[in-house]
Amino acid sequence: MSNHVSMPLRDQLELRVRNRTGRRIRNLAIELNPERVILRGQVNSYYVKQLAQHGIRDCLPNLILENSIVVERDLHPVFDRVEGFVPGALENS
């Protein structure tokens, strides 16, 4: 990572999460308390939610992390689709 020492901690964490998730979190908010970190936002998969969590854990492994990111299945950005997969195709199988 480049030199982010002069950045406030919240900005460093946000940059880390955005880079780790490929900027796939909408309305990302990070709340810092002395005893915990709270993540908020919307994503379209549990995988991206987990990536965000690991981005915070990498920086602050000893704090309690509350991951309140909401998974909304109706968000379908092109870069999150599996090649050849058609949403809903398995529902009628």
N, C-alpha and C. Protein backbone atom coordinates (compact mmCIF):
# COMPACT_ATOMS: atom_id res chain seq x y z
N MET A 1 0.84 -1.17 0.00
CA MET A 1 0.00 0.00 0.00
C MET A 1 0.89 1.24 0.00
N SER A 2 0.48 2.31 -0.63
CA SER A 2 1.26 3.54 -0.64
C SER A 2 1.17 4.21 0.72
N ASN A 3 1.84 5.33 0.87
CA ASN A 3 1.92 5.99 2.16
C ASN A 3 0.62 6.70 2.51
N HIS A 4 -0.18 6.09 3.40
CA HIS A 4 -1.45 6.66 3.85
C HIS A 4 -1.37 7.04 5.32
N VAL A 5 -0.14 7.22 5.83
CA VAL A 5 0.04 7.49 7.25
C VAL A 5 -0.65 8.78 7.67
N SER A 6 -0.68 9.78 6.80
CA SER A 6 -1.27 11.06 7.17
C SER A 6 -2.80 11.07 7.05
N MET A 7 -3.37 10.02 6.48
CA MET A 7 -4.83 9.94 6.33
C MET A 7 -5.47 9.56 7.65
N PRO A 8 -6.66 10.11 7.95
CA PRO A 8 -7.40 9.66 9.14
C PRO A 8 -7.73 8.17 9.02
N LEU A 9 -7.83 7.50 10.17
CA LEU A 9 -8.06 6.05 10.19
C LEU A 9 -9.30 5.66 9.40
N ARG A 10 -10.40 6.39 9.54
CA ARG A 10 -11.63 6.05 8.82
C ARG A 10 -11.39 6.08 7.30
N ASP A 11 -10.65 7.07 6.83
CA ASP A 11 -10.35 7.16 5.40
C ASP A 11 -9.46 6.01 4.94
N GLN A 12 -8.50 5.62 5.78
CA GLN A 12 -7.64 4.49 5.45
C GLN A 12 -8.46 3.20 5.34
N LEU A 13 -9.37 3.01 6.30
CA LEU A 13 -10.22 1.81 6.28
C LEU A 13 -11.13 1.80 5.07
N GLU A 14 -11.71 2.95 4.76
CA GLU A 14 -12.60 3.03 3.60
C GLU A 14 -11.84 2.72 2.31
N LEU A 15 -10.66 3.26 2.18
CA LEU A 15 -9.84 2.98 1.00
C LEU A 15 -9.51 1.50 0.91
N ARG A 16 -9.15 0.90 2.04
CA ARG A 16 -8.82 -0.53 2.08
C ARG A 16 -10.03 -1.38 1.66
N VAL A 17 -11.21 -1.06 2.20
CA VAL A 17 -12.42 -1.82 1.88
C VAL A 17 -12.79 -1.64 0.42
N ARG A 18 -12.75 -0.41 -0.08
CA ARG A 18 -13.09 -0.17 -1.49
C ARG A 18 -12.14 -0.91 -2.43
N ASN A 19 -10.86 -0.88 -2.11
CA ASN A 19 -9.89 -1.59 -2.95
C ASN A 19 -10.08 -3.10 -2.86
N ARG A 20 -10.34 -3.60 -1.67
CA ARG A 20 -10.49 -5.05 -1.47
C ARG A 20 -11.75 -5.59 -2.17
N THR A 21 -12.79 -4.77 -2.25
CA THR A 21 -14.06 -5.21 -2.84
C THR A 21 -14.23 -4.77 -4.29
N GLY A 22 -13.25 -4.11 -4.85
CA GLY A 22 -13.39 -3.63 -6.22
C GLY A 22 -14.44 -2.54 -6.33
N ARG A 23 -14.63 -1.78 -5.26
CA ARG A 23 -15.59 -0.66 -5.21
C ARG A 23 -17.03 -1.14 -5.46
N ARG A 24 -17.36 -2.35 -4.99
CA ARG A 24 -18.69 -2.92 -5.22
C ARG A 24 -19.64 -2.72 -4.05
N ILE A 25 -19.34 -1.80 -3.15
CA ILE A 25 -20.24 -1.51 -2.03
C ILE A 25 -20.88 -0.16 -2.27
N ARG A 26 -22.19 -0.14 -2.24
CA ARG A 26 -22.91 1.13 -2.38
C ARG A 26 -23.14 1.72 -1.00
N ASN A 27 -23.02 3.03 -0.91
CA ASN A 27 -23.26 3.77 0.33
C ASN A 27 -22.42 3.24 1.50
N LEU A 28 -21.15 2.98 1.24
CA LEU A 28 -20.26 2.49 2.28
C LEU A 28 -20.13 3.52 3.39
N ALA A 29 -20.32 3.06 4.62
CA ALA A 29 -20.11 3.90 5.80
C ALA A 29 -19.37 3.07 6.84
N ILE A 30 -18.37 3.68 7.46
CA ILE A 30 -17.60 3.01 8.50
C ILE A 30 -17.69 3.85 9.75
N GLU A 31 -18.23 3.26 10.79
CA GLU A 31 -18.37 3.95 12.08
C GLU A 31 -17.33 3.39 13.04
N LEU A 32 -16.52 4.28 13.60
CA LEU A 32 -15.47 3.87 14.53
C LEU A 32 -15.86 4.25 15.95
N ASN A 33 -15.82 3.28 16.83
CA ASN A 33 -16.01 3.49 18.26
C ASN A 33 -14.77 2.96 18.96
N PRO A 34 -14.54 3.34 20.20
CA PRO A 34 -13.34 2.84 20.89
C PRO A 34 -13.28 1.31 20.98
N GLU A 35 -14.43 0.66 21.04
CA GLU A 35 -14.44 -0.80 21.23
C GLU A 35 -14.88 -1.58 20.00
N ARG A 36 -15.35 -0.91 18.94
CA ARG A 36 -15.84 -1.64 17.77
C ARG A 36 -15.82 -0.79 16.51
N VAL A 37 -15.91 -1.51 15.37
CA VAL A 37 -16.06 -0.90 14.05
C VAL A 37 -17.37 -1.42 13.48
N ILE A 38 -18.18 -0.51 12.93
CA ILE A 38 -19.45 -0.89 12.31
C ILE A 38 -19.37 -0.58 10.82
N LEU A 39 -19.60 -1.60 10.00
CA LEU A 39 -19.64 -1.45 8.54
C LEU A 39 -21.08 -1.39 8.07
N ARG A 40 -21.39 -0.44 7.19
CA ARG A 40 -22.73 -0.33 6.61
C ARG A 40 -22.60 -0.11 5.11
N GLY A 41 -23.63 -0.52 4.38
CA GLY A 41 -23.67 -0.34 2.94
C GLY A 41 -24.55 -1.40 2.32
N GLN A 42 -24.54 -1.45 0.99
CA GLN A 42 -25.32 -2.45 0.26
C GLN A 42 -24.41 -3.11 -0.78
N VAL A 43 -24.55 -4.43 -0.89
CA VAL A 43 -23.81 -5.21 -1.88
C VAL A 43 -24.76 -6.22 -2.52
N ASN A 44 -24.30 -6.89 -3.56
CA ASN A 44 -25.18 -7.85 -4.21
C ASN A 44 -24.79 -9.30 -3.93
N SER A 45 -23.79 -9.52 -3.04
CA SER A 45 -23.43 -10.90 -2.71
C SER A 45 -22.80 -10.98 -1.32
N TYR A 46 -22.94 -12.14 -0.72
CA TYR A 46 -22.32 -12.37 0.58
C TYR A 46 -20.80 -12.40 0.45
N TYR A 47 -20.30 -12.78 -0.71
CA TYR A 47 -18.86 -12.79 -0.96
C TYR A 47 -18.27 -11.39 -0.81
N VAL A 48 -18.91 -10.38 -1.41
CA VAL A 48 -18.41 -9.01 -1.33
C VAL A 48 -18.53 -8.51 0.12
N LYS A 49 -19.59 -8.88 0.80
CA LYS A 49 -19.74 -8.52 2.22
C LYS A 49 -18.57 -9.07 3.03
N GLN A 50 -18.19 -10.32 2.75
CA GLN A 50 -17.08 -10.94 3.46
C GLN A 50 -15.75 -10.28 3.10
N LEU A 51 -15.55 -9.89 1.84
CA LEU A 51 -14.34 -9.19 1.45
C LEU A 51 -14.18 -7.89 2.23
N ALA A 52 -15.28 -7.17 2.40
CA ALA A 52 -15.25 -5.91 3.16
C ALA A 52 -14.82 -6.18 4.60
N GLN A 53 -15.37 -7.22 5.17
CA GLN A 53 -15.05 -7.58 6.55
C GLN A 53 -13.56 -7.89 6.69
N HIS A 54 -13.01 -8.64 5.75
CA HIS A 54 -11.60 -8.99 5.80
C HIS A 54 -10.71 -7.76 5.60
N GLY A 55 -11.17 -6.79 4.83
CA GLY A 55 -10.42 -5.55 4.66
C GLY A 55 -10.24 -4.82 5.98
N ILE A 56 -11.27 -4.81 6.80
CA ILE A 56 -11.19 -4.18 8.12
C ILE A 56 -10.34 -5.03 9.05
N ARG A 57 -10.56 -6.33 9.05
CA ARG A 57 -9.81 -7.25 9.93
C ARG A 57 -8.30 -7.16 9.69
N ASP A 58 -7.90 -6.94 8.43
CA ASP A 58 -6.48 -6.82 8.12
C ASP A 58 -5.84 -5.66 8.87
N CYS A 59 -6.59 -4.58 9.04
CA CYS A 59 -6.07 -3.37 9.69
C CYS A 59 -6.28 -3.37 11.21
N LEU A 60 -7.42 -3.87 11.65
CA LEU A 60 -7.79 -3.82 13.07
C LEU A 60 -8.24 -5.20 13.55
N PRO A 61 -7.31 -6.13 13.68
CA PRO A 61 -7.69 -7.51 13.99
C PRO A 61 -8.26 -7.72 15.40
N ASN A 62 -8.01 -6.80 16.31
CA ASN A 62 -8.41 -7.02 17.70
C ASN A 62 -9.68 -6.30 18.12
N LEU A 63 -10.26 -5.50 17.23
CA LEU A 63 -11.50 -4.80 17.58
C LEU A 63 -12.71 -5.64 17.18
N ILE A 64 -13.80 -5.45 17.89
CA ILE A 64 -15.06 -6.10 17.52
C ILE A 64 -15.54 -5.47 16.22
N LEU A 65 -15.97 -6.30 15.30
CA LEU A 65 -16.45 -5.81 14.01
C LEU A 65 -17.91 -6.20 13.85
N GLU A 66 -18.75 -5.20 13.64
CA GLU A 66 -20.17 -5.43 13.37
C GLU A 66 -20.39 -5.17 11.89
N ASN A 67 -20.63 -6.23 11.13
CA ASN A 67 -20.81 -6.11 9.69
C ASN A 67 -22.31 -5.99 9.40
N SER A 68 -22.77 -4.75 9.26
CA SER A 68 -24.19 -4.48 8.99
C SER A 68 -24.44 -4.20 7.52
N ILE A 69 -23.55 -4.66 6.66
CA ILE A 69 -23.74 -4.50 5.22
C ILE A 69 -24.91 -5.38 4.79
N VAL A 70 -25.80 -4.81 4.00
CA VAL A 70 -27.00 -5.51 3.54
C VAL A 70 -26.75 -6.11 2.17
N VAL A 71 -27.11 -7.38 2.01
CA VAL A 71 -27.00 -8.05 0.71
C VAL A 71 -28.34 -7.91 0.01
N GLU A 72 -28.33 -7.24 -1.12
CA GLU A 72 -29.53 -7.02 -1.93
C GLU A 72 -29.35 -7.74 -3.25
N ARG A 73 -30.08 -8.80 -3.44
CA ARG A 73 -29.91 -9.65 -4.63
C ARG A 73 -30.32 -8.95 -5.92
N ASP A 74 -31.06 -7.85 -5.85
CA ASP A 74 -31.48 -7.18 -7.08
C ASP A 74 -30.40 -6.27 -7.65
N LEU A 75 -29.26 -6.13 -6.98
CA LEU A 75 -28.14 -5.38 -7.52
C LEU A 75 -27.33 -6.33 -8.38
N HIS A 76 -27.25 -6.10 -9.69
CA HIS A 76 -26.53 -7.00 -10.58
C HIS A 76 -25.54 -6.25 -11.46
N PRO A 77 -24.47 -5.71 -10.87
CA PRO A 77 -23.47 -5.08 -11.74
C PRO A 77 -22.81 -6.13 -12.63
N VAL A 78 -22.43 -5.73 -13.81
CA VAL A 78 -21.88 -6.65 -14.80
C VAL A 78 -20.67 -7.39 -14.26
N PHE A 79 -19.80 -6.72 -13.50
CA PHE A 79 -18.57 -7.37 -13.03
C PHE A 79 -18.82 -8.39 -11.94
N ASP A 80 -20.02 -8.54 -11.43
CA ASP A 80 -20.31 -9.54 -10.42
C ASP A 80 -20.98 -10.77 -10.99
N ARG A 81 -21.33 -10.75 -12.24
CA ARG A 81 -22.01 -11.90 -12.85
C ARG A 81 -21.01 -12.97 -13.23
N VAL A 82 -21.41 -14.20 -13.03
CA VAL A 82 -20.60 -15.33 -13.47
C VAL A 82 -20.84 -15.50 -14.96
N GLU A 83 -19.77 -15.66 -15.72
CA GLU A 83 -19.90 -15.79 -17.18
C GLU A 83 -20.80 -16.97 -17.53
N GLY A 84 -21.81 -16.71 -18.34
CA GLY A 84 -22.72 -17.75 -18.78
C GLY A 84 -23.87 -18.01 -17.83
N PHE A 85 -23.86 -17.40 -16.65
CA PHE A 85 -24.93 -17.63 -15.68
C PHE A 85 -26.08 -16.68 -15.96
N VAL A 86 -27.28 -17.22 -15.98
CA VAL A 86 -28.48 -16.42 -16.19
C VAL A 86 -29.26 -16.39 -14.88
N PRO A 87 -29.40 -15.19 -14.24
CA PRO A 87 -30.13 -15.12 -12.97
C PRO A 87 -31.53 -15.72 -13.11
N GLY A 88 -31.91 -16.57 -12.17
CA GLY A 88 -33.23 -17.18 -12.17
C GLY A 88 -33.33 -18.45 -12.98
N ALA A 89 -32.26 -18.81 -13.71
CA ALA A 89 -32.33 -20.00 -14.57
C ALA A 89 -32.50 -21.28 -13.79
N LEU A 90 -31.99 -21.33 -12.57
CA LEU A 90 -32.07 -22.55 -11.78
C LEU A 90 -33.37 -22.67 -11.00
N GLU A 91 -34.14 -21.61 -10.93
CA GLU A 91 -35.37 -21.60 -10.13
C GLU A 91 -36.42 -22.55 -10.68
N ASN A 92 -36.45 -22.78 -11.98
CA ASN A 92 -37.46 -23.63 -12.60
C ASN A 92 -36.97 -25.04 -12.87
N SER A 93 -35.77 -25.36 -12.39
CA SER A 93 -35.19 -26.69 -12.66
C SER A 93 -35.79 -27.72 -11.74
